[in-house]
Amino acid sequence: MTVEPREPSFERPKYFCPNCGTLAVQHWYALYYAPRGGRESTGIHRVDCEGCSDFQVWLDVGRRMVVPDRVNVPAPNEDLSDDVRADYTEAASILARSPRGSAALLRLALQKLCVQLGEKGDRINDDIKALVEKGLPVRVQQALDVLRVVGNNAVHPGQIDLRDDSATAGSLFNLVNLIAEDRITEPKRVEAMFAQLPVEARAAIEKRDTKTT
């Protein structure tokens, strides 16, 4: 089965809105001007999101979105929960203007992501410790801690100054997607493939792995 791409793309009729983070129909309108009674294309498109009624602006040149300014932030992983994806999208929308604010929003997204991963979400450090005890791979633990530490420095005065550091803040988005890919998307993909095995094969595997007393 072919999965329809959902990241924002030129003239795509449905994707995750860069303003609200929800998967919604996007209505495209080409803008024109009328010199001396004629009708000429401006090369600009207004796109209205059916989900939040907010708008985007795209250009024919480069087929790229210019409002909101996402500074080449990757689209959020599709398996992130709606509230995590909304924080991710809001963080992306302000990255160019406020790297510090963007990192702070990603810290909030991380706290909600920990809840999605089955933890309490009260203290990120405790949640990471619990995930490590459950066998969390080192690279994912490190990604979580980078987001935690950098996010904390964005909220409270620390050794990391993000006020003019959009590069560091921007790299955090990749870490959110890395965590989601490892902890949510990949297991789901494997489970779906396993479910497609013949019933007899799955029964034999279950019998093989059943502990005998």
N, C-alpha and C. Protein backbone atom coordinates (compact mmCIF):
# COMPACT_ATOMS: atom_id res chain seq x y z
N MET A 1 0.84 -1.19 0.00
CA MET A 1 0.00 0.00 0.00
C MET A 1 0.88 1.25 0.00
N THR A 2 0.60 2.16 -0.91
CA THR A 2 1.36 3.40 -1.00
C THR A 2 0.83 4.41 -0.01
N VAL A 3 1.73 4.99 0.79
CA VAL A 3 1.34 6.00 1.76
C VAL A 3 1.52 7.38 1.14
N GLU A 4 0.45 8.16 1.14
CA GLU A 4 0.51 9.50 0.56
C GLU A 4 1.40 10.41 1.40
N PRO A 5 2.36 11.11 0.78
CA PRO A 5 3.21 12.04 1.54
C PRO A 5 2.37 13.10 2.23
N ARG A 6 2.79 13.50 3.42
CA ARG A 6 1.99 14.44 4.19
C ARG A 6 2.75 15.70 4.58
N GLU A 7 4.02 15.81 4.21
CA GLU A 7 4.75 17.02 4.54
C GLU A 7 4.35 18.14 3.58
N PRO A 8 4.48 19.42 4.00
CA PRO A 8 4.12 20.53 3.12
C PRO A 8 4.90 20.48 1.81
N SER A 9 4.21 20.64 0.71
CA SER A 9 4.85 20.62 -0.60
C SER A 9 4.01 21.44 -1.56
N PHE A 10 4.66 22.01 -2.56
CA PHE A 10 4.01 22.93 -3.49
C PHE A 10 2.81 22.29 -4.16
N GLU A 11 1.64 22.94 -4.02
CA GLU A 11 0.36 22.55 -4.62
C GLU A 11 -0.16 21.20 -4.13
N ARG A 12 0.39 20.68 -3.05
CA ARG A 12 -0.16 19.45 -2.46
C ARG A 12 -1.47 19.82 -1.77
N PRO A 13 -2.55 19.07 -2.01
CA PRO A 13 -3.86 19.47 -1.48
C PRO A 13 -4.10 19.15 -0.01
N LYS A 14 -3.25 18.31 0.58
CA LYS A 14 -3.45 17.93 1.98
C LYS A 14 -2.10 17.60 2.61
N TYR A 15 -1.82 18.22 3.74
CA TYR A 15 -0.57 17.94 4.45
C TYR A 15 -0.64 18.50 5.87
N PHE A 16 0.41 18.22 6.65
CA PHE A 16 0.46 18.76 8.00
C PHE A 16 0.69 20.27 7.91
N CYS A 17 -0.26 21.02 8.41
CA CYS A 17 -0.19 22.48 8.33
C CYS A 17 0.99 23.00 9.13
N PRO A 18 1.82 23.87 8.55
CA PRO A 18 2.97 24.42 9.27
C PRO A 18 2.57 25.41 10.36
N ASN A 19 1.31 25.82 10.39
CA ASN A 19 0.84 26.74 11.43
C ASN A 19 0.24 26.01 12.63
N CYS A 20 -0.62 25.02 12.38
CA CYS A 20 -1.29 24.34 13.49
C CYS A 20 -0.80 22.92 13.72
N GLY A 21 -0.05 22.36 12.77
CA GLY A 21 0.52 21.03 12.95
C GLY A 21 -0.43 19.88 12.70
N THR A 22 -1.66 20.15 12.27
CA THR A 22 -2.62 19.08 12.04
C THR A 22 -2.66 18.71 10.56
N LEU A 23 -3.05 17.46 10.29
CA LEU A 23 -3.21 17.01 8.91
C LEU A 23 -4.54 17.54 8.40
N ALA A 24 -4.50 18.41 7.41
CA ALA A 24 -5.72 19.07 6.96
C ALA A 24 -5.66 19.38 5.48
N VAL A 25 -6.83 19.58 4.89
CA VAL A 25 -6.93 20.01 3.49
C VAL A 25 -6.41 21.45 3.39
N GLN A 26 -5.64 21.72 2.35
CA GLN A 26 -5.07 23.05 2.12
C GLN A 26 -5.64 23.62 0.82
N HIS A 27 -6.24 24.80 0.89
CA HIS A 27 -6.87 25.41 -0.28
C HIS A 27 -5.91 26.42 -0.90
N TRP A 28 -5.55 26.17 -2.18
CA TRP A 28 -4.55 26.97 -2.88
C TRP A 28 -5.22 28.03 -3.76
N TYR A 29 -4.71 29.28 -3.69
CA TYR A 29 -5.23 30.38 -4.50
C TYR A 29 -4.06 31.12 -5.13
N ALA A 30 -4.04 31.12 -6.45
CA ALA A 30 -3.02 31.89 -7.17
C ALA A 30 -3.42 33.36 -7.16
N LEU A 31 -2.46 34.23 -6.88
CA LEU A 31 -2.73 35.66 -6.82
C LEU A 31 -2.34 36.33 -8.14
N TYR A 32 -3.20 37.24 -8.62
CA TYR A 32 -2.97 37.93 -9.89
C TYR A 32 -3.07 39.46 -9.68
N TYR A 33 -2.53 40.19 -10.63
CA TYR A 33 -2.74 41.64 -10.65
C TYR A 33 -3.22 42.02 -12.05
N ALA A 34 -3.80 43.20 -12.13
CA ALA A 34 -4.45 43.59 -13.39
C ALA A 34 -3.85 44.87 -13.94
N PRO A 35 -2.75 44.78 -14.69
CA PRO A 35 -2.17 45.98 -15.32
C PRO A 35 -2.96 46.36 -16.57
N ARG A 36 -3.50 47.57 -16.58
CA ARG A 36 -4.23 48.09 -17.75
C ARG A 36 -5.32 47.14 -18.22
N GLY A 37 -6.03 46.61 -17.25
CA GLY A 37 -7.16 45.76 -17.59
C GLY A 37 -6.80 44.32 -17.90
N GLY A 38 -5.51 44.00 -17.92
CA GLY A 38 -5.11 42.62 -18.19
C GLY A 38 -5.13 41.78 -16.92
N ARG A 39 -4.51 40.62 -17.00
CA ARG A 39 -4.46 39.72 -15.85
C ARG A 39 -3.13 38.99 -15.88
N GLU A 40 -2.27 39.32 -14.92
CA GLU A 40 -0.94 38.74 -14.88
C GLU A 40 -0.71 38.02 -13.54
N SER A 41 -0.03 36.92 -13.63
CA SER A 41 0.27 36.18 -12.40
C SER A 41 1.35 36.89 -11.59
N THR A 42 1.20 36.90 -10.29
CA THR A 42 2.22 37.46 -9.41
C THR A 42 3.29 36.43 -9.05
N GLY A 43 3.01 35.16 -9.35
CA GLY A 43 3.94 34.10 -8.93
C GLY A 43 3.83 33.79 -7.45
N ILE A 44 2.74 34.29 -6.83
CA ILE A 44 2.53 34.08 -5.40
C ILE A 44 1.23 33.31 -5.19
N HIS A 45 1.24 32.41 -4.21
CA HIS A 45 0.05 31.63 -3.87
C HIS A 45 -0.28 31.82 -2.40
N ARG A 46 -1.54 32.05 -2.11
CA ARG A 46 -2.04 32.03 -0.74
C ARG A 46 -2.66 30.67 -0.51
N VAL A 47 -2.36 30.07 0.65
CA VAL A 47 -2.89 28.76 0.98
C VAL A 47 -3.61 28.86 2.33
N ASP A 48 -4.89 28.51 2.33
CA ASP A 48 -5.68 28.55 3.56
C ASP A 48 -5.87 27.13 4.10
N CYS A 49 -5.55 26.96 5.38
CA CYS A 49 -5.69 25.65 6.03
C CYS A 49 -7.14 25.46 6.47
N GLU A 50 -7.72 24.35 6.09
CA GLU A 50 -9.10 24.05 6.49
C GLU A 50 -9.19 23.73 7.98
N GLY A 51 -8.06 23.32 8.57
CA GLY A 51 -8.07 22.95 9.98
C GLY A 51 -8.06 24.13 10.92
N CYS A 52 -7.23 25.14 10.64
CA CYS A 52 -7.08 26.26 11.57
C CYS A 52 -7.45 27.61 10.97
N SER A 53 -7.72 27.65 9.66
CA SER A 53 -8.08 28.89 8.95
C SER A 53 -6.93 29.88 8.85
N ASP A 54 -5.73 29.49 9.30
CA ASP A 54 -4.56 30.34 9.12
C ASP A 54 -4.04 30.15 7.69
N PHE A 55 -3.11 31.01 7.28
CA PHE A 55 -2.67 30.96 5.88
C PHE A 55 -1.16 30.78 5.77
N GLN A 56 -0.76 30.38 4.59
CA GLN A 56 0.65 30.31 4.22
C GLN A 56 0.82 31.07 2.91
N VAL A 57 2.08 31.43 2.61
CA VAL A 57 2.39 32.08 1.34
C VAL A 57 3.49 31.27 0.66
N TRP A 58 3.26 30.89 -0.59
CA TRP A 58 4.23 30.12 -1.38
C TRP A 58 4.58 30.89 -2.64
N LEU A 59 5.79 30.67 -3.13
CA LEU A 59 6.25 31.31 -4.36
C LEU A 59 6.42 30.28 -5.47
N ASP A 60 6.08 30.70 -6.70
CA ASP A 60 6.37 29.84 -7.85
C ASP A 60 7.87 29.60 -7.98
N VAL A 61 8.65 30.66 -7.77
CA VAL A 61 10.11 30.55 -7.87
C VAL A 61 10.63 29.67 -6.74
N GLY A 62 11.20 28.57 -7.12
CA GLY A 62 11.70 27.65 -6.12
C GLY A 62 10.64 26.77 -5.50
N ARG A 63 9.36 27.04 -5.86
CA ARG A 63 8.23 26.26 -5.32
C ARG A 63 8.37 26.11 -3.80
N ARG A 64 8.55 27.25 -3.13
CA ARG A 64 8.87 27.21 -1.70
C ARG A 64 7.91 28.07 -0.88
N MET A 65 7.78 27.69 0.37
CA MET A 65 6.95 28.43 1.32
C MET A 65 7.79 29.52 1.97
N VAL A 66 7.23 30.73 2.05
CA VAL A 66 7.96 31.84 2.68
C VAL A 66 7.26 32.36 3.93
N VAL A 67 6.00 32.03 4.11
CA VAL A 67 5.26 32.37 5.33
C VAL A 67 4.43 31.15 5.73
N PRO A 68 4.62 30.61 6.92
CA PRO A 68 5.60 31.03 7.92
C PRO A 68 7.02 30.63 7.51
N ASP A 69 8.00 31.32 8.08
CA ASP A 69 9.41 31.08 7.79
C ASP A 69 9.90 29.93 8.66
N ARG A 70 10.11 28.75 8.06
CA ARG A 70 10.50 27.57 8.83
C ARG A 70 12.00 27.33 8.83
N VAL A 71 12.77 28.11 8.09
CA VAL A 71 14.23 28.00 8.06
C VAL A 71 14.67 26.55 7.81
N ASN A 72 14.06 25.92 6.83
CA ASN A 72 14.44 24.56 6.42
C ASN A 72 14.35 23.53 7.55
N VAL A 73 13.42 23.72 8.45
CA VAL A 73 13.18 22.74 9.51
C VAL A 73 12.47 21.54 8.89
N PRO A 74 12.89 20.30 9.21
CA PRO A 74 12.22 19.13 8.65
C PRO A 74 10.80 19.01 9.17
N ALA A 75 9.93 18.41 8.38
CA ALA A 75 8.55 18.19 8.81
C ALA A 75 8.55 17.27 10.03
N PRO A 76 7.61 17.45 10.95
CA PRO A 76 7.56 16.58 12.13
C PRO A 76 7.20 15.15 11.75
N ASN A 77 7.75 14.20 12.48
CA ASN A 77 7.42 12.80 12.28
C ASN A 77 5.91 12.62 12.38
N GLU A 78 5.33 11.87 11.44
CA GLU A 78 3.89 11.73 11.38
C GLU A 78 3.31 10.95 12.55
N ASP A 79 4.14 10.21 13.28
CA ASP A 79 3.65 9.43 14.40
C ASP A 79 3.69 10.18 15.72
N LEU A 80 4.17 11.41 15.72
CA LEU A 80 4.09 12.23 16.92
C LEU A 80 2.63 12.54 17.22
N SER A 81 2.28 12.61 18.49
CA SER A 81 0.91 12.94 18.86
C SER A 81 0.59 14.37 18.42
N ASP A 82 -0.69 14.69 18.36
CA ASP A 82 -1.11 16.00 17.87
C ASP A 82 -0.53 17.14 18.70
N ASP A 83 -0.51 16.98 20.04
CA ASP A 83 -0.02 18.07 20.87
C ASP A 83 1.49 18.25 20.74
N VAL A 84 2.23 17.15 20.56
CA VAL A 84 3.68 17.26 20.34
C VAL A 84 3.95 17.92 19.00
N ARG A 85 3.21 17.51 17.99
CA ARG A 85 3.42 18.07 16.65
C ARG A 85 3.05 19.55 16.61
N ALA A 86 2.04 19.95 17.37
CA ALA A 86 1.66 21.36 17.41
C ALA A 86 2.77 22.21 18.01
N ASP A 87 3.40 21.74 19.10
CA ASP A 87 4.52 22.48 19.70
C ASP A 87 5.71 22.52 18.74
N TYR A 88 5.96 21.40 18.07
CA TYR A 88 7.05 21.31 17.09
C TYR A 88 6.85 22.35 15.99
N THR A 89 5.62 22.41 15.49
CA THR A 89 5.31 23.32 14.39
C THR A 89 5.41 24.78 14.83
N GLU A 90 4.94 25.07 16.04
CA GLU A 90 5.06 26.43 16.56
C GLU A 90 6.53 26.81 16.76
N ALA A 91 7.33 25.86 17.25
CA ALA A 91 8.76 26.11 17.43
C ALA A 91 9.43 26.40 16.09
N ALA A 92 9.03 25.67 15.06
CA ALA A 92 9.61 25.90 13.73
C ALA A 92 9.24 27.28 13.20
N SER A 93 8.02 27.73 13.51
CA SER A 93 7.55 29.01 12.96
C SER A 93 8.28 30.21 13.54
N ILE A 94 8.90 30.07 14.72
CA ILE A 94 9.58 31.21 15.33
C ILE A 94 11.10 31.05 15.37
N LEU A 95 11.62 29.98 14.78
CA LEU A 95 13.05 29.71 14.87
C LEU A 95 13.90 30.87 14.37
N ALA A 96 13.52 31.45 13.23
CA ALA A 96 14.32 32.54 12.65
C ALA A 96 14.32 33.77 13.54
N ARG A 97 13.18 34.04 14.20
CA ARG A 97 13.06 35.24 15.02
C ARG A 97 13.55 35.03 16.45
N SER A 98 13.39 33.81 16.98
CA SER A 98 13.73 33.57 18.38
C SER A 98 14.21 32.13 18.58
N PRO A 99 15.49 31.85 18.32
CA PRO A 99 16.02 30.50 18.56
C PRO A 99 15.80 30.05 20.00
N ARG A 100 15.92 30.97 20.94
CA ARG A 100 15.73 30.64 22.36
C ARG A 100 14.28 30.21 22.62
N GLY A 101 13.34 30.95 22.08
CA GLY A 101 11.93 30.59 22.24
C GLY A 101 11.60 29.28 21.56
N SER A 102 12.23 29.04 20.40
CA SER A 102 12.02 27.80 19.67
C SER A 102 12.50 26.60 20.49
N ALA A 103 13.68 26.72 21.10
CA ALA A 103 14.22 25.64 21.91
C ALA A 103 13.35 25.39 23.14
N ALA A 104 12.81 26.46 23.72
CA ALA A 104 11.94 26.31 24.89
C ALA A 104 10.67 25.55 24.52
N LEU A 105 10.12 25.83 23.35
CA LEU A 105 8.93 25.10 22.89
C LEU A 105 9.24 23.63 22.63
N LEU A 106 10.44 23.35 22.12
CA LEU A 106 10.82 21.97 21.88
C LEU A 106 11.01 21.21 23.20
N ARG A 107 11.44 21.92 24.24
CA ARG A 107 11.53 21.28 25.55
C ARG A 107 10.13 20.87 26.01
N LEU A 108 9.14 21.74 25.79
CA LEU A 108 7.76 21.40 26.13
C LEU A 108 7.28 20.22 25.29
N ALA A 109 7.65 20.22 24.01
CA ALA A 109 7.28 19.10 23.14
C ALA A 109 7.91 17.80 23.66
N LEU A 110 9.15 17.88 24.15
CA LEU A 110 9.83 16.71 24.68
C LEU A 110 9.09 16.16 25.90
N GLN A 111 8.63 17.05 26.76
CA GLN A 111 7.90 16.62 27.95
C GLN A 111 6.63 15.85 27.55
N LYS A 112 5.94 16.34 26.54
CA LYS A 112 4.74 15.66 26.05
C LYS A 112 5.10 14.36 25.33
N LEU A 113 6.26 14.35 24.65
CA LEU A 113 6.70 13.14 23.97
C LEU A 113 7.00 12.04 24.98
N CYS A 114 7.55 12.40 26.12
CA CYS A 114 7.81 11.40 27.17
C CYS A 114 6.50 10.75 27.61
N VAL A 115 5.43 11.53 27.69
CA VAL A 115 4.12 10.97 28.03
C VAL A 115 3.67 10.02 26.93
N GLN A 116 3.87 10.39 25.68
CA GLN A 116 3.51 9.52 24.56
C GLN A 116 4.29 8.21 24.62
N LEU A 117 5.50 8.26 25.17
CA LEU A 117 6.32 7.05 25.29
C LEU A 117 6.00 6.24 26.55
N GLY A 118 4.96 6.68 27.27
CA GLY A 118 4.51 5.89 28.41
C GLY A 118 5.00 6.34 29.77
N GLU A 119 5.67 7.49 29.83
CA GLU A 119 6.18 7.98 31.11
C GLU A 119 5.24 9.05 31.69
N LYS A 120 5.58 9.53 32.89
CA LYS A 120 4.69 10.44 33.62
C LYS A 120 4.67 11.85 33.04
N GLY A 121 5.80 12.33 32.56
CA GLY A 121 5.85 13.67 32.00
C GLY A 121 6.01 14.78 33.03
N ASP A 122 6.23 14.41 34.30
CA ASP A 122 6.39 15.43 35.35
C ASP A 122 7.81 16.01 35.35
N ARG A 123 8.79 15.11 35.29
CA ARG A 123 10.20 15.52 35.27
C ARG A 123 10.89 14.76 34.14
N ILE A 124 11.38 15.51 33.16
CA ILE A 124 11.97 14.88 31.98
C ILE A 124 13.16 14.00 32.37
N ASN A 125 13.98 14.46 33.31
CA ASN A 125 15.15 13.68 33.71
C ASN A 125 14.74 12.32 34.27
N ASP A 126 13.68 12.30 35.09
CA ASP A 126 13.19 11.04 35.64
C ASP A 126 12.63 10.14 34.55
N ASP A 127 11.95 10.75 33.58
CA ASP A 127 11.40 9.96 32.48
C ASP A 127 12.51 9.32 31.65
N ILE A 128 13.58 10.07 31.41
CA ILE A 128 14.70 9.51 30.65
C ILE A 128 15.32 8.35 31.41
N LYS A 129 15.49 8.52 32.73
CA LYS A 129 16.04 7.44 33.56
C LYS A 129 15.18 6.19 33.47
N ALA A 130 13.86 6.36 33.53
CA ALA A 130 12.95 5.21 33.43
C ALA A 130 13.06 4.53 32.07
N LEU A 131 13.19 5.33 31.01
CA LEU A 131 13.32 4.76 29.66
C LEU A 131 14.64 4.00 29.51
N VAL A 132 15.71 4.54 30.11
CA VAL A 132 17.01 3.85 30.07
C VAL A 132 16.90 2.50 30.77
N GLU A 133 16.20 2.45 31.90
CA GLU A 133 16.03 1.20 32.64
C GLU A 133 15.23 0.18 31.84
N LYS A 134 14.44 0.66 30.87
CA LYS A 134 13.66 -0.23 30.02
C LYS A 134 14.41 -0.62 28.74
N GLY A 135 15.70 -0.21 28.66
CA GLY A 135 16.52 -0.63 27.53
C GLY A 135 16.65 0.39 26.42
N LEU A 136 16.50 1.67 26.74
CA LEU A 136 16.63 2.72 25.74
C LEU A 136 18.03 2.73 25.13
N PRO A 137 18.17 2.72 23.81
CA PRO A 137 19.50 2.78 23.18
C PRO A 137 20.24 4.06 23.57
N VAL A 138 21.56 3.98 23.63
CA VAL A 138 22.37 5.11 24.08
C VAL A 138 22.15 6.33 23.20
N ARG A 139 22.10 6.16 21.89
CA ARG A 139 21.97 7.32 21.00
C ARG A 139 20.65 8.04 21.21
N VAL A 140 19.59 7.30 21.54
CA VAL A 140 18.30 7.93 21.80
C VAL A 140 18.32 8.63 23.15
N GLN A 141 18.98 8.00 24.15
CA GLN A 141 19.15 8.65 25.45
C GLN A 141 19.90 9.97 25.30
N GLN A 142 20.95 9.95 24.49
CA GLN A 142 21.73 11.17 24.28
C GLN A 142 20.91 12.25 23.59
N ALA A 143 20.08 11.85 22.62
CA ALA A 143 19.22 12.81 21.93
C ALA A 143 18.23 13.43 22.91
N LEU A 144 17.66 12.61 23.79
CA LEU A 144 16.73 13.12 24.80
C LEU A 144 17.42 14.10 25.74
N ASP A 145 18.64 13.76 26.16
CA ASP A 145 19.35 14.63 27.10
C ASP A 145 19.80 15.93 26.45
N VAL A 146 20.16 15.89 25.17
CA VAL A 146 20.51 17.13 24.48
C VAL A 146 19.30 18.06 24.46
N LEU A 147 18.14 17.53 24.10
CA LEU A 147 16.93 18.33 24.08
C LEU A 147 16.60 18.87 25.47
N ARG A 148 16.78 18.03 26.47
CA ARG A 148 16.48 18.43 27.84
C ARG A 148 17.41 19.56 28.30
N VAL A 149 18.72 19.37 28.13
CA VAL A 149 19.69 20.34 28.63
C VAL A 149 19.61 21.65 27.87
N VAL A 150 19.57 21.57 26.54
CA VAL A 150 19.49 22.80 25.74
C VAL A 150 18.17 23.52 26.00
N GLY A 151 17.09 22.76 26.10
CA GLY A 151 15.79 23.36 26.39
C GLY A 151 15.76 24.03 27.74
N ASN A 152 16.39 23.40 28.73
CA ASN A 152 16.46 24.01 30.07
C ASN A 152 17.23 25.33 30.03
N ASN A 153 18.31 25.36 29.26
CA ASN A 153 19.10 26.60 29.15
C ASN A 153 18.33 27.69 28.42
N ALA A 154 17.39 27.29 27.59
CA ALA A 154 16.56 28.29 26.91
C ALA A 154 15.57 28.93 27.88
N VAL A 155 15.13 28.13 28.86
CA VAL A 155 14.14 28.61 29.82
C VAL A 155 14.82 29.31 31.00
N HIS A 156 15.94 28.75 31.48
CA HIS A 156 16.65 29.30 32.63
C HIS A 156 18.06 29.71 32.21
N PRO A 157 18.63 30.74 32.84
CA PRO A 157 20.00 31.15 32.51
C PRO A 157 20.97 29.99 32.70
N GLY A 158 21.84 29.77 31.71
CA GLY A 158 22.80 28.68 31.80
C GLY A 158 24.02 28.96 30.96
N GLN A 159 24.76 27.91 30.67
CA GLN A 159 26.01 28.06 29.93
C GLN A 159 25.80 28.12 28.42
N ILE A 160 24.61 27.74 27.96
CA ILE A 160 24.32 27.73 26.53
C ILE A 160 23.45 28.95 26.20
N ASP A 161 23.97 29.85 25.39
CA ASP A 161 23.25 31.07 25.02
C ASP A 161 22.68 30.89 23.62
N LEU A 162 21.36 30.80 23.52
CA LEU A 162 20.71 30.53 22.25
C LEU A 162 20.11 31.77 21.59
N ARG A 163 20.35 32.94 22.15
CA ARG A 163 19.65 34.12 21.64
C ARG A 163 19.90 34.36 20.16
N ASP A 164 21.11 34.08 19.68
CA ASP A 164 21.42 34.29 18.26
C ASP A 164 21.93 33.01 17.60
N ASP A 165 21.61 31.87 18.19
CA ASP A 165 22.16 30.60 17.72
C ASP A 165 21.06 29.74 17.10
N SER A 166 20.63 30.12 15.90
CA SER A 166 19.56 29.36 15.24
C SER A 166 20.05 28.00 14.77
N ALA A 167 21.36 27.84 14.54
CA ALA A 167 21.90 26.56 14.08
C ALA A 167 21.72 25.48 15.15
N THR A 168 22.09 25.81 16.40
CA THR A 168 21.93 24.85 17.49
C THR A 168 20.46 24.55 17.74
N ALA A 169 19.65 25.60 17.80
CA ALA A 169 18.22 25.39 18.02
C ALA A 169 17.61 24.58 16.88
N GLY A 170 18.03 24.87 15.65
CA GLY A 170 17.49 24.16 14.50
C GLY A 170 17.81 22.68 14.50
N SER A 171 19.00 22.32 15.02
CA SER A 171 19.39 20.90 15.04
C SER A 171 18.53 20.09 15.98
N LEU A 172 17.85 20.74 16.92
CA LEU A 172 17.02 20.02 17.88
C LEU A 172 15.82 19.35 17.22
N PHE A 173 15.35 19.92 16.12
CA PHE A 173 14.20 19.34 15.43
C PHE A 173 14.52 17.94 14.91
N ASN A 174 15.74 17.77 14.40
CA ASN A 174 16.16 16.45 13.93
C ASN A 174 16.17 15.44 15.07
N LEU A 175 16.52 15.90 16.27
CA LEU A 175 16.57 14.99 17.42
C LEU A 175 15.17 14.52 17.81
N VAL A 176 14.20 15.43 17.76
CA VAL A 176 12.82 15.04 18.05
C VAL A 176 12.37 13.94 17.08
N ASN A 177 12.66 14.14 15.80
CA ASN A 177 12.27 13.14 14.80
C ASN A 177 13.04 11.84 14.97
N LEU A 178 14.32 11.93 15.36
CA LEU A 178 15.11 10.71 15.61
C LEU A 178 14.49 9.88 16.73
N ILE A 179 14.09 10.53 17.80
CA ILE A 179 13.48 9.83 18.94
C ILE A 179 12.17 9.18 18.51
N ALA A 180 11.34 9.93 17.78
CA ALA A 180 10.06 9.39 17.33
C ALA A 180 10.25 8.22 16.37
N GLU A 181 11.23 8.32 15.48
CA GLU A 181 11.50 7.23 14.53
C GLU A 181 11.91 5.96 15.25
N ASP A 182 12.80 6.09 16.24
CA ASP A 182 13.31 4.91 16.94
C ASP A 182 12.28 4.30 17.89
N ARG A 183 11.56 5.14 18.62
CA ARG A 183 10.67 4.66 19.68
C ARG A 183 9.25 4.37 19.21
N ILE A 184 8.80 5.02 18.09
CA ILE A 184 7.41 4.87 17.68
C ILE A 184 7.27 4.29 16.28
N THR A 185 7.90 4.97 15.30
CA THR A 185 7.69 4.60 13.91
C THR A 185 8.26 3.23 13.57
N GLU A 186 9.52 2.99 13.92
CA GLU A 186 10.16 1.72 13.56
C GLU A 186 9.46 0.53 14.21
N PRO A 187 9.15 0.56 15.52
CA PRO A 187 8.42 -0.56 16.11
C PRO A 187 7.06 -0.80 15.43
N LYS A 188 6.37 0.29 15.11
CA LYS A 188 5.07 0.15 14.45
C LYS A 188 5.22 -0.49 13.08
N ARG A 189 6.27 -0.11 12.38
CA ARG A 189 6.53 -0.67 11.05
C ARG A 189 6.82 -2.18 11.13
N VAL A 190 7.62 -2.57 12.11
CA VAL A 190 7.95 -3.98 12.28
C VAL A 190 6.71 -4.77 12.69
N GLU A 191 5.90 -4.23 13.60
CA GLU A 191 4.68 -4.90 14.04
C GLU A 191 3.73 -5.12 12.87
N ALA A 192 3.62 -4.12 11.98
CA ALA A 192 2.74 -4.25 10.83
C ALA A 192 3.23 -5.35 9.89
N MET A 193 4.55 -5.45 9.69
CA MET A 193 5.10 -6.50 8.83
C MET A 193 4.89 -7.87 9.46
N PHE A 194 5.06 -7.95 10.80
CA PHE A 194 4.87 -9.23 11.49
C PHE A 194 3.41 -9.68 11.38
N ALA A 195 2.49 -8.73 11.49
CA ALA A 195 1.07 -9.06 11.42
C ALA A 195 0.67 -9.62 10.06
N GLN A 196 1.47 -9.37 9.02
CA GLN A 196 1.17 -9.84 7.68
C GLN A 196 1.67 -11.27 7.45
N LEU A 197 2.42 -11.81 8.40
CA LEU A 197 2.87 -13.20 8.27
C LEU A 197 1.68 -14.14 8.33
N PRO A 198 1.77 -15.31 7.70
CA PRO A 198 0.68 -16.29 7.78
C PRO A 198 0.36 -16.65 9.22
N VAL A 199 -0.92 -16.94 9.48
CA VAL A 199 -1.37 -17.26 10.84
C VAL A 199 -0.58 -18.42 11.41
N GLU A 200 -0.32 -19.43 10.57
CA GLU A 200 0.40 -20.61 11.05
C GLU A 200 1.81 -20.26 11.49
N ALA A 201 2.45 -19.38 10.74
CA ALA A 201 3.81 -18.98 11.08
C ALA A 201 3.84 -18.22 12.39
N ARG A 202 2.87 -17.33 12.61
CA ARG A 202 2.82 -16.57 13.85
C ARG A 202 2.51 -17.47 15.05
N ALA A 203 1.66 -18.47 14.83
CA ALA A 203 1.33 -19.41 15.90
C ALA A 203 2.56 -20.23 16.29
N ALA A 204 3.34 -20.64 15.28
CA ALA A 204 4.55 -21.42 15.56
C ALA A 204 5.57 -20.58 16.33
N ILE A 205 5.66 -19.29 15.97
CA ILE A 205 6.59 -18.41 16.67
C ILE A 205 6.16 -18.22 18.12
N GLU A 206 4.86 -18.02 18.33
CA GLU A 206 4.35 -17.86 19.69
C GLU A 206 4.61 -19.11 20.52
N LYS A 207 4.41 -20.28 19.91
CA LYS A 207 4.67 -21.53 20.63
C LYS A 207 6.14 -21.67 20.96
N ARG A 208 6.99 -21.30 20.03
CA ARG A 208 8.44 -21.36 20.25
C ARG A 208 8.88 -20.50 21.43
N ASP A 209 8.26 -19.32 21.56
CA ASP A 209 8.70 -18.36 22.55
C ASP A 209 7.93 -18.43 23.88
N THR A 210 6.95 -19.31 23.95
CA THR A 210 6.19 -19.45 25.19
C THR A 210 7.02 -20.21 26.22
N LYS A 211 7.13 -19.59 27.41
CA LYS A 211 7.94 -20.22 28.46
C LYS A 211 7.19 -21.41 29.05
N THR A 212 7.88 -22.49 29.24
CA THR A 212 7.30 -23.68 29.87
C THR A 212 7.77 -23.78 31.30
N THR A 213 6.86 -24.22 32.16
CA THR A 213 7.21 -24.35 33.58
C THR A 213 7.60 -25.78 33.92
